[in-house]
Protein backbone atom coordinates (compact mmCIF):
# COMPACT_ATOMS: atom_id res chain seq x y z
CA MET A 1 128.17 89.24 96.11
CA ALA A 2 126.04 88.48 93.09
CA LYS A 3 122.60 89.70 92.07
CA ARG A 4 120.03 87.83 90.03
CA ARG A 5 116.46 88.59 89.00
CA VAL A 6 113.89 85.85 88.53
CA MET A 7 110.15 85.39 88.32
CA PHE A 8 108.50 82.90 90.66
CA THR A 9 105.10 81.52 89.71
CA PHE A 10 103.06 79.88 92.46
CA THR A 11 100.11 77.50 92.29
CA GLU A 12 97.13 77.71 94.62
CA GLU A 13 98.68 75.14 96.97
CA MET A 14 101.81 77.26 97.45
CA ILE A 15 100.23 80.72 97.92
CA ARG A 16 100.16 80.52 101.72
CA GLU A 17 103.63 78.99 102.15
CA PRO A 18 106.42 81.43 103.12
CA ILE A 19 108.67 80.30 100.26
CA ILE A 20 110.49 83.63 99.80
CA TYR A 21 111.07 84.13 103.53
CA ASN A 22 112.29 80.56 104.03
CA MET A 23 114.59 80.83 101.03
CA GLY A 24 116.18 84.00 102.39
CA GLN A 25 116.69 82.43 105.83
CA GLN A 26 117.94 79.02 104.69
CA PHE A 27 120.29 80.23 101.97
CA ASN A 28 121.47 83.56 103.43
CA LEU A 29 119.91 85.58 100.60
CA VAL A 30 118.65 89.14 100.61
CA THR A 31 115.38 89.22 98.67
CA ASN A 32 113.83 92.27 97.07
CA ILE A 33 110.33 92.01 95.61
CA LEU A 34 110.23 94.18 92.47
CA ARG A 35 106.73 93.32 91.22
CA ALA A 36 104.00 90.91 92.25
CA ASP A 37 100.45 89.81 91.59
CA VAL A 38 98.93 87.36 94.05
CA THR A 39 95.32 86.19 94.25
CA GLU A 40 93.65 83.38 96.16
CA ASP A 41 94.40 80.79 93.49
CA ARG A 42 97.67 81.84 91.84
CA GLY A 43 100.52 84.30 92.03
CA TRP A 44 103.75 85.53 90.51
CA VAL A 45 106.57 87.57 91.97
CA VAL A 46 109.59 89.21 90.34
CA LEU A 47 112.46 88.98 92.80
CA GLU A 48 116.01 90.20 92.98
CA PHE A 49 118.37 88.01 94.99
CA ASP A 50 121.58 89.26 96.53
CA GLY A 51 124.08 86.64 97.73
CA THR A 52 126.84 84.43 96.45
CA ASP A 53 126.33 82.56 93.18
CA GLU A 54 126.31 79.29 95.13
CA GLU A 55 123.67 80.50 97.61
CA ILE A 56 121.46 81.84 94.83
CA GLU A 57 121.71 78.59 92.85
CA ALA A 58 121.00 76.49 95.94
CA GLY A 59 117.98 78.64 96.83
CA ILE A 60 116.54 78.46 93.32
CA THR A 61 117.05 74.69 93.21
CA TRP A 62 115.24 74.40 96.57
CA ALA A 63 112.33 76.58 95.33
CA ILE A 64 111.97 74.43 92.21
CA SER A 65 111.91 71.31 94.40
CA LYS A 66 108.97 72.88 96.29
CA GLY A 67 107.03 73.25 93.01
CA VAL A 68 107.75 76.90 92.18
CA ARG A 69 108.20 77.69 88.50
CA VAL A 70 111.32 79.86 88.14
CA GLU A 71 112.14 81.96 85.08
CA PRO A 72 115.11 84.30 84.61
CA ILE A 73 114.34 88.01 84.19
CA SER A 74 116.57 90.46 82.36
CA ASP A 75 116.95 94.10 83.37
CA GLU A 76 115.17 95.07 80.16
CA SER A 77 112.08 93.07 81.19
CA LEU A 78 111.30 95.48 84.01
């Protein structure tokens, strides 16, 4: 199993969509929200994913295709 930390940034249109839940279900990923700030018109979430490298990559690619901005996070950034 691999772990990876990323930051998701959401636009107003995506705030109400269950992106994180769907990603966990579709790609067999365990998600852990480390930090977040969500308002009515924007949001960001720092997540830790636990799964295989292939599942994590597929999930991130899917999230990007939905319009989520994804940035890698290092351990030092927290």
